[in-house]
């Protein structure tokens, strides 16, 4: 959950988000080193009047400033590509949930169950109870078992939407007429908040996403109750 004055990412709740945090630190360190070097050279040029008027051509310098940036780009690209493939990988999911975007709410269908489907609307501000978050709470949460691979099929009924949960490292576009998929493993129990991340109309900011990860036994109890009420 994000908090005021937060500068970094939310705490990771999935292996993919853990990888993204490590990559962020890796890339930020490289950027910091380059920025420090550039700043040092600029300060050196400003603070001294000494100049070298005789270097008109230098093969050694040209080789260095060609090979060094290429090596830096490779150091950034290789872990980035690895994470990209990890995010697209969907292996033997234990649960499949179809998330459908509407103006302006989400509907969820658990395709492994015959009649387990519901709509998820934002809780109005006047109906919030103490401890709930404004513009983030929903009347029905997407409940999933923790430490189990979950596949999410994402699409839209009307216009472009985007199903995003930062703590899980997920952001998948919901396109009308197209079925996209993503997957995650919730590594710890908790409630994880997200929002539609594609401008989709007047109430774009009023269609939150709430994913609740629970132990498998609690998920089975929840699904049994939902099926009885269906």
C-alpha atoms as a PDB file:
ATOM      1  CA  UNK A   1       0.000   0.000   0.000  1.00  0.00           C
ATOM      2  CA  UNK A   2       1.398   3.398  -0.963  1.00  0.00           C
ATOM      3  CA  UNK A   3       1.700   6.081   1.706  1.00  0.00           C
ATOM      4  CA  UNK A   4       2.200   9.883   1.704  1.00  0.00           C
ATOM      5  CA  UNK A   5       5.677  11.153   0.758  1.00  0.00           C
ATOM      6  CA  UNK A   6       6.645   7.720  -0.564  1.00  0.00           C
ATOM      7  CA  UNK A   7       9.569   7.916  -3.005  1.00  0.00           C
ATOM      8  CA  UNK A   8      10.128   4.263  -3.853  1.00  0.00           C
ATOM      9  CA  UNK A   9       7.978   1.352  -4.943  1.00  0.00           C
ATOM     10  CA  UNK A  10       5.472  -0.501  -2.818  1.00  0.00           C
ATOM     11  CA  UNK A  11       6.682  -3.595  -0.955  1.00  0.00           C
ATOM     12  CA  UNK A  12       6.845  -6.529  -3.355  1.00  0.00           C
ATOM     13  CA  UNK A  13       4.165  -9.200  -3.015  1.00  0.00           C
ATOM     14  CA  UNK A  14       5.222 -11.460  -5.889  1.00  0.00           C
ATOM     15  CA  UNK A  15       8.482 -12.898  -7.261  1.00  0.00           C
ATOM     16  CA  UNK A  16       8.196 -10.777 -10.425  1.00  0.00           C
ATOM     17  CA  UNK A  17       7.895  -7.575  -8.401  1.00  0.00           C
ATOM     18  CA  UNK A  18      10.940  -8.620  -6.387  1.00  0.00           C
ATOM     19  CA  UNK A  19      12.867  -8.940  -9.654  1.00  0.00           C
ATOM     20  CA  UNK A  20      11.617  -5.535 -10.796  1.00  0.00           C
ATOM     21  CA  UNK A  21      12.817  -3.929  -7.564  1.00  0.00           C
ATOM     22  CA  UNK A  22      16.265  -5.501  -7.962  1.00  0.00           C
ATOM     23  CA  UNK A  23      16.435  -4.306 -11.569  1.00  0.00           C
ATOM     24  CA  UNK A  24      15.396  -0.814 -10.516  1.00  0.00           C
ATOM     25  CA  UNK A  25      18.252  -0.681  -7.995  1.00  0.00           C
ATOM     26  CA  UNK A  26      20.665  -2.086 -10.591  1.00  0.00           C
ATOM     27  CA  UNK A  27      19.704   0.475 -13.262  1.00  0.00           C
ATOM     28  CA  UNK A  28      19.611   3.340 -10.761  1.00  0.00           C
ATOM     29  CA  UNK A  29      23.174   2.572  -9.620  1.00  0.00           C
ATOM     30  CA  UNK A  30      24.412   2.720 -13.221  1.00  0.00           C
ATOM     31  CA  UNK A  31      22.586   6.007 -13.803  1.00  0.00           C
ATOM     32  CA  UNK A  32      24.041   7.410 -10.574  1.00  0.00           C
ATOM     33  CA  UNK A  33      27.600   6.502 -11.573  1.00  0.00           C
ATOM     34  CA  UNK A  34      27.199   8.042 -15.037  1.00  0.00           C
ATOM     35  CA  UNK A  35      25.592  11.191 -13.618  1.00  0.00           C
ATOM     36  CA  UNK A  36      28.408  11.562 -11.075  1.00  0.00           C
ATOM     37  CA  UNK A  37      31.045  11.245 -13.791  1.00  0.00           C
ATOM     38  CA  UNK A  38      29.320  13.778 -16.055  1.00  0.00           C
ATOM     39  CA  UNK A  39      28.876  16.228 -13.155  1.00  0.00           C
ATOM     40  CA  UNK A  40      32.537  15.855 -12.198  1.00  0.00           C
ATOM     41  CA  UNK A  41      33.665  16.610 -15.761  1.00  0.00           C
ATOM     42  CA  UNK A  42      31.362  19.639 -15.979  1.00  0.00           C
ATOM     43  CA  UNK A  43      32.627  21.032 -12.677  1.00  0.00           C
ATOM     44  CA  UNK A  44      36.205  20.402 -13.785  1.00  0.00           C
ATOM     45  CA  UNK A  45      35.629  22.326 -17.008  1.00  0.00           C
ATOM     46  CA  UNK A  46      34.016  25.236 -15.160  1.00  0.00           C
ATOM     47  CA  UNK A  47      36.577  25.431 -12.370  1.00  0.00           C
ATOM     48  CA  UNK A  48      39.769  25.371 -14.487  1.00  0.00           C
ATOM     49  CA  UNK A  49      40.971  27.493 -17.371  1.00  0.00           C
ATOM     50  CA  UNK A  50      43.327  24.821 -18.642  1.00  0.00           C
ATOM     51  CA  UNK A  51      42.477  23.447 -22.077  1.00  0.00           C
ATOM     52  CA  UNK A  52      44.168  21.064 -24.474  1.00  0.00           C
ATOM     53  CA  UNK A  53      44.303  22.648 -27.898  1.00  0.00           C
ATOM     54  CA  UNK A  54      46.355  19.912 -29.554  1.00  0.00           C
ATOM     55  CA  UNK A  55      44.049  16.836 -29.463  1.00  0.00           C
ATOM     56  CA  UNK A  56      42.247  17.043 -32.800  1.00  0.00           C
ATOM     57  CA  UNK A  57      41.853  13.298 -33.282  1.00  0.00           C
ATOM     58  CA  UNK A  58      42.230  10.293 -30.971  1.00  0.00           C
ATOM     59  CA  UNK A  59      41.380   6.758 -31.978  1.00  0.00           C
ATOM     60  CA  UNK A  60      41.794   5.572 -28.379  1.00  0.00           C
ATOM     61  CA  UNK A  61      39.191   8.027 -27.049  1.00  0.00           C
ATOM     62  CA  UNK A  62      36.744   7.162 -29.834  1.00  0.00           C
ATOM     63  CA  UNK A  63      37.108   3.456 -29.093  1.00  0.00           C
ATOM     64  CA  UNK A  64      36.481   4.028 -25.386  1.00  0.00           C
ATOM     65  CA  UNK A  65      33.376   6.193 -25.846  1.00  0.00           C
ATOM     66  CA  UNK A  66      31.963   3.666 -28.321  1.00  0.00           C
ATOM     67  CA  UNK A  67      32.634   0.455 -26.411  1.00  0.00           C
ATOM     68  CA  UNK A  68      31.862   1.761 -22.905  1.00  0.00           C
ATOM     69  CA  UNK A  69      28.267   2.945 -23.646  1.00  0.00           C
ATOM     70  CA  UNK A  70      27.601  -0.309 -25.518  1.00  0.00           C
ATOM     71  CA  UNK A  71      28.789  -2.340 -22.509  1.00  0.00           C
ATOM     72  CA  UNK A  72      26.608  -0.267 -20.173  1.00  0.00           C
ATOM     73  CA  UNK A  73      23.564  -0.805 -22.388  1.00  0.00           C
ATOM     74  CA  UNK A  74      24.215  -4.560 -22.378  1.00  0.00           C
ATOM     75  CA  UNK A  75      24.429  -4.539 -18.558  1.00  0.00           C
ATOM     76  CA  UNK A  76      20.996  -2.908 -18.487  1.00  0.00           C
ATOM     77  CA  UNK A  77      19.397  -4.904 -21.313  1.00  0.00           C
ATOM     78  CA  UNK A  78      20.241  -8.450 -20.195  1.00  0.00           C
ATOM     79  CA  UNK A  79      18.447  -8.406 -16.808  1.00  0.00           C
ATOM     80  CA  UNK A  80      15.629  -6.393 -18.367  1.00  0.00           C
ATOM     81  CA  UNK A  81      15.014  -9.047 -21.041  1.00  0.00           C
ATOM     82  CA  UNK A  82      15.107 -11.783 -18.394  1.00  0.00           C
ATOM     83  CA  UNK A  83      12.362 -10.058 -16.392  1.00  0.00           C
ATOM     84  CA  UNK A  84      10.353  -9.453 -19.568  1.00  0.00           C
ATOM     85  CA  UNK A  85      10.303 -13.175 -20.301  1.00  0.00           C
ATOM     86  CA  UNK A  86       9.426 -13.970 -16.676  1.00  0.00           C
ATOM     87  CA  UNK A  87       6.445 -11.611 -16.849  1.00  0.00           C
ATOM     88  CA  UNK A  88       5.139 -13.293 -20.028  1.00  0.00           C
ATOM     89  CA  UNK A  89       5.631 -16.828 -18.739  1.00  0.00           C
ATOM     90  CA  UNK A  90       2.454 -18.689 -17.719  1.00  0.00           C
ATOM     91  CA  UNK A  91       3.164 -22.242 -16.556  1.00  0.00           C
ATOM     92  CA  UNK A  92       0.463 -24.599 -15.279  1.00  0.00           C
ATOM     93  CA  UNK A  93      -1.773 -22.055 -13.473  1.00  0.00           C
ATOM     94  CA  UNK A  94      -3.745 -23.404 -10.520  1.00  0.00           C
ATOM     95  CA  UNK A  95      -6.465 -20.804 -10.999  1.00  0.00           C
ATOM     96  CA  UNK A  96      -7.716 -18.715 -13.921  1.00  0.00           C
ATOM     97  CA  UNK A  97      -9.636 -15.480 -13.427  1.00  0.00           C
ATOM     98  CA  UNK A  98     -11.114 -13.420 -16.251  1.00  0.00           C
ATOM     99  CA  UNK A  99     -11.092  -9.674 -15.515  1.00  0.00           C
ATOM    100  CA  UNK A 100     -13.380  -7.626 -17.747  1.00  0.00           C
ATOM    101  CA  UNK A 101     -13.216  -3.838 -17.769  1.00  0.00           C
ATOM    102  CA  UNK A 102     -16.385  -1.744 -18.058  1.00  0.00           C
ATOM    103  CA  UNK A 103     -17.180   1.933 -17.751  1.00  0.00           C
ATOM    104  CA  UNK A 104     -16.542   2.162 -14.833  1.00  0.00           C
ATOM    105  CA  UNK A 105     -16.135  -1.051 -12.883  1.00  0.00           C
ATOM    106  CA  UNK A 106     -14.501  -4.465 -13.154  1.00  0.00           C
ATOM    107  CA  UNK A 107     -16.179  -7.843 -13.408  1.00  0.00           C
ATOM    108  CA  UNK A 108     -14.464 -11.102 -12.468  1.00  0.00           C
ATOM    109  CA  UNK A 109     -15.185 -14.650 -13.595  1.00  0.00           C
ATOM    110  CA  UNK A 110     -13.443 -17.656 -12.080  1.00  0.00           C
ATOM    111  CA  UNK A 111     -13.364 -19.913 -15.119  1.00  0.00           C
ATOM    112  CA  UNK A 112     -12.499 -23.038 -13.090  1.00  0.00           C
ATOM    113  CA  UNK A 113     -15.889 -22.750 -11.344  1.00  0.00           C
ATOM    114  CA  UNK A 114     -19.239 -22.933 -13.075  1.00  0.00           C
ATOM    115  CA  UNK A 115     -21.082 -19.996 -11.493  1.00  0.00           C
ATOM    116  CA  UNK A 116     -18.442 -17.971  -9.681  1.00  0.00           C
ATOM    117  CA  UNK A 117     -18.613 -14.476 -11.181  1.00  0.00           C
ATOM    118  CA  UNK A 118     -19.328 -11.011  -9.810  1.00  0.00           C
ATOM    119  CA  UNK A 119     -18.992  -7.297 -10.482  1.00  0.00           C
ATOM    120  CA  UNK A 120     -16.644  -5.135  -8.437  1.00  0.00           C
ATOM    121  CA  UNK A 121     -17.642  -1.503  -7.871  1.00  0.00           C
ATOM    122  CA  UNK A 122     -15.860   1.211  -5.929  1.00  0.00           C
ATOM    123  CA  UNK A 123     -17.277   1.844  -2.443  1.00  0.00           C
ATOM    124  CA  UNK A 124     -18.579   5.451  -2.343  1.00  0.00           C
ATOM    125  CA  UNK A 125     -16.865   7.779   0.102  1.00  0.00           C
ATOM    126  CA  UNK A 126     -19.971   8.145   2.270  1.00  0.00           C
ATOM    127  CA  UNK A 127     -20.185   4.344   2.700  1.00  0.00           C
ATOM    128  CA  UNK A 128     -16.606   3.803   3.851  1.00  0.00           C
ATOM    129  CA  UNK A 129     -15.972   2.393   7.297  1.00  0.00           C
ATOM    130  CA  UNK A 130     -13.021   3.363   9.543  1.00  0.00           C
ATOM    131  CA  UNK A 131      -9.804   1.875   8.204  1.00  0.00           C
ATOM    132  CA  UNK A 132     -10.933   1.717   4.581  1.00  0.00           C
ATOM    133  CA  UNK A 133      -9.235   3.729   1.858  1.00  0.00           C
ATOM    134  CA  UNK A 134     -10.979   6.385  -0.199  1.00  0.00           C
ATOM    135  CA  UNK A 135     -11.198   5.642  -3.956  1.00  0.00           C
ATOM    136  CA  UNK A 136      -9.522   2.245  -3.447  1.00  0.00           C
ATOM    137  CA  UNK A 137     -12.071   0.012  -1.720  1.00  0.00           C
ATOM    138  CA  UNK A 138     -14.459  -2.222  -3.663  1.00  0.00           C
ATOM    139  CA  UNK A 139     -17.639  -4.002  -2.685  1.00  0.00           C
ATOM    140  CA  UNK A 140     -16.209  -7.337  -3.920  1.00  0.00           C
ATOM    141  CA  UNK A 141     -12.539  -8.247  -3.848  1.00  0.00           C
ATOM    142  CA  UNK A 142     -10.765 -10.583  -6.222  1.00  0.00           C
ATOM    143  CA  UNK A 143      -9.720 -13.340  -3.809  1.00  0.00           C
ATOM    144  CA  UNK A 144      -6.879 -15.677  -4.789  1.00  0.00           C
ATOM    145  CA  UNK A 145      -4.867 -18.369  -2.984  1.00  0.00           C
ATOM    146  CA  UNK A 146      -1.370 -17.325  -1.975  1.00  0.00           C
ATOM    147  CA  UNK A 147       1.722 -19.177  -3.222  1.00  0.00           C
ATOM    148  CA  UNK A 148      -0.241 -20.546  -6.189  1.00  0.00           C
ATOM    149  CA  UNK A 149       0.166 -19.568  -9.861  1.00  0.00           C
ATOM    150  CA  UNK A 150      -2.828 -17.471 -10.916  1.00  0.00           C
ATOM    151  CA  UNK A 151      -3.539 -16.608 -14.543  1.00  0.00           C
ATOM    152  CA  UNK A 152      -5.551 -13.465 -15.255  1.00  0.00           C
ATOM    153  CA  UNK A 153      -7.299 -13.081 -18.619  1.00  0.00           C
ATOM    154  CA  UNK A 154      -7.903  -9.385 -19.255  1.00  0.00           C
ATOM    155  CA  UNK A 155     -10.303  -7.803 -21.715  1.00  0.00           C
ATOM    156  CA  UNK A 156     -12.804  -4.946 -21.943  1.00  0.00           C
ATOM    157  CA  UNK A 157     -16.450  -4.544 -22.786  1.00  0.00           C
ATOM    158  CA  UNK A 158     -16.451  -0.999 -24.163  1.00  0.00           C
ATOM    159  CA  UNK A 159     -13.243   1.088 -24.278  1.00  0.00           C
ATOM    160  CA  UNK A 160      -9.564   0.618 -23.408  1.00  0.00           C
ATOM    161  CA  UNK A 161      -8.829  -0.110 -19.752  1.00  0.00           C
ATOM    162  CA  UNK A 162      -5.742  -1.389 -17.940  1.00  0.00           C
ATOM    163  CA  UNK A 163      -5.689  -3.865 -15.040  1.00  0.00           C
ATOM    164  CA  UNK A 164      -2.797  -2.855 -12.777  1.00  0.00           C
ATOM    165  CA  UNK A 165      -1.719  -3.925  -9.279  1.00  0.00           C
ATOM    166  CA  UNK A 166       1.691  -2.388  -8.451  1.00  0.00           C
ATOM    167  CA  UNK A 167       2.555  -4.618  -5.463  1.00  0.00           C
ATOM    168  CA  UNK A 168       2.174  -7.705  -7.675  1.00  0.00           C
ATOM    169  CA  UNK A 169       4.125  -6.206 -10.573  1.00  0.00           C
ATOM    170  CA  UNK A 170       1.156  -6.393 -12.939  1.00  0.00           C
ATOM    171  CA  UNK A 171      -0.110  -3.998 -15.594  1.00  0.00           C
ATOM    172  CA  UNK A 172      -2.062  -5.488 -18.476  1.00  0.00           C
ATOM    173  CA  UNK A 173      -4.091  -3.578 -21.071  1.00  0.00           C
ATOM    174  CA  UNK A 174      -7.763  -4.476 -21.419  1.00  0.00           C
ATOM    175  CA  UNK A 175      -8.673  -4.137 -25.096  1.00  0.00           C
ATOM    176  CA  UNK A 176     -12.222  -4.688 -26.434  1.00  0.00           C
ATOM    177  CA  UNK A 177     -12.339  -7.780 -28.631  1.00  0.00           C
ATOM    178  CA  UNK A 178      -8.930  -8.998 -27.500  1.00  0.00           C
ATOM    179  CA  UNK A 179      -8.004 -11.366 -24.676  1.00  0.00           C
ATOM    180  CA  UNK A 180      -4.665 -10.612 -22.999  1.00  0.00           C
ATOM    181  CA  UNK A 181      -3.186 -12.716 -20.241  1.00  0.00           C
ATOM    182  CA  UNK A 182      -0.796 -12.267 -17.371  1.00  0.00           C
ATOM    183  CA  UNK A 183       0.103 -14.326 -14.332  1.00  0.00           C
ATOM    184  CA  UNK A 184       1.347 -13.862 -10.793  1.00  0.00           C
ATOM    185  CA  UNK A 185       2.103 -15.716  -7.587  1.00  0.00           C
ATOM    186  CA  UNK A 186       1.187 -13.895  -4.376  1.00  0.00           C
ATOM    187  CA  UNK A 187       4.123 -14.658  -2.111  1.00  0.00           C
ATOM    188  CA  UNK A 188       2.420 -13.487   1.079  1.00  0.00           C
ATOM    189  CA  UNK A 189      -1.119 -12.975   2.376  1.00  0.00           C
ATOM    190  CA  UNK A 190      -2.525  -9.490   2.180  1.00  0.00           C
ATOM    191  CA  UNK A 191      -4.767  -7.012   0.410  1.00  0.00           C
ATOM    192  CA  UNK A 192      -3.226  -5.344  -2.637  1.00  0.00           C
ATOM    193  CA  UNK A 193      -4.703  -2.283  -4.285  1.00  0.00           C
ATOM    194  CA  UNK A 194      -4.587  -1.128  -7.889  1.00  0.00           C
ATOM    195  CA  UNK A 195      -6.483   1.079 -10.287  1.00  0.00           C
ATOM    196  CA  UNK A 196      -7.382   1.281 -13.942  1.00  0.00           C
ATOM    197  CA  UNK A 197      -4.245   2.679 -15.577  1.00  0.00           C
ATOM    198  CA  UNK A 198      -5.646   3.671 -18.962  1.00  0.00           C
ATOM    199  CA  UNK A 199      -7.748   6.828 -19.298  1.00  0.00           C
ATOM    200  CA  UNK A 200     -11.193   5.454 -20.087  1.00  0.00           C
ATOM    201  CA  UNK A 201     -13.661   8.298 -19.599  1.00  0.00           C
ATOM    202  CA  UNK A 202     -15.188  10.586 -17.011  1.00  0.00           C
ATOM    203  CA  UNK A 203     -15.013   8.109 -14.099  1.00  0.00           C
ATOM    204  CA  UNK A 204     -11.654   6.593 -14.958  1.00  0.00           C
ATOM    205  CA  UNK A 205     -10.324   7.289 -11.446  1.00  0.00           C
ATOM    206  CA  UNK A 206     -13.293   5.530  -9.819  1.00  0.00           C
ATOM    207  CA  UNK A 207     -12.685   1.905 -10.849  1.00  0.00           C
ATOM    208  CA  UNK A 208     -10.192   0.488  -8.328  1.00  0.00           C
ATOM    209  CA  UNK A 209      -8.854  -3.058  -8.164  1.00  0.00           C
ATOM    210  CA  UNK A 210      -8.505  -5.008  -4.919  1.00  0.00           C
ATOM    211  CA  UNK A 211      -6.740  -8.377  -4.850  1.00  0.00           C
ATOM    212  CA  UNK A 212      -6.830 -10.330  -1.607  1.00  0.00           C
ATOM    213  CA  UNK A 213      -4.366 -13.199  -1.216  1.00  0.00           C
ATOM    214  CA  UNK A 214      -5.333 -15.776   1.402  1.00  0.00           C
ATOM    215  CA  UNK A 215      -4.238 -19.306   2.381  1.00  0.00           C
ATOM    216  CA  UNK A 216      -5.698 -22.075   0.253  1.00  0.00           C
ATOM    217  CA  UNK A 217      -8.105 -23.230   2.993  1.00  0.00           C
ATOM    218  CA  UNK A 218      -9.578 -19.733   3.314  1.00  0.00           C
ATOM    219  CA  UNK A 219      -9.913 -19.484  -0.460  1.00  0.00           C
ATOM    220  CA  UNK A 220     -11.823 -22.756  -0.581  1.00  0.00           C
ATOM    221  CA  UNK A 221     -14.172 -21.535   2.157  1.00  0.00           C
ATOM    222  CA  UNK A 222     -14.686 -18.215   0.343  1.00  0.00           C
ATOM    223  CA  UNK A 223     -15.404 -19.912  -2.983  1.00  0.00           C
ATOM    224  CA  UNK A 224     -17.907 -22.273  -1.321  1.00  0.00           C
ATOM    225  CA  UNK A 225     -19.765 -19.326   0.229  1.00  0.00           C
ATOM    226  CA  UNK A 226     -19.778 -17.433  -3.082  1.00  0.00           C
ATOM    227  CA  UNK A 227     -21.121 -20.468  -4.953  1.00  0.00           C
ATOM    228  CA  UNK A 228     -23.875 -20.940  -2.375  1.00  0.00           C
ATOM    229  CA  UNK A 229     -24.925 -17.295  -2.749  1.00  0.00           C
ATOM    230  CA  UNK A 230     -24.819 -17.411  -6.561  1.00  0.00           C
END
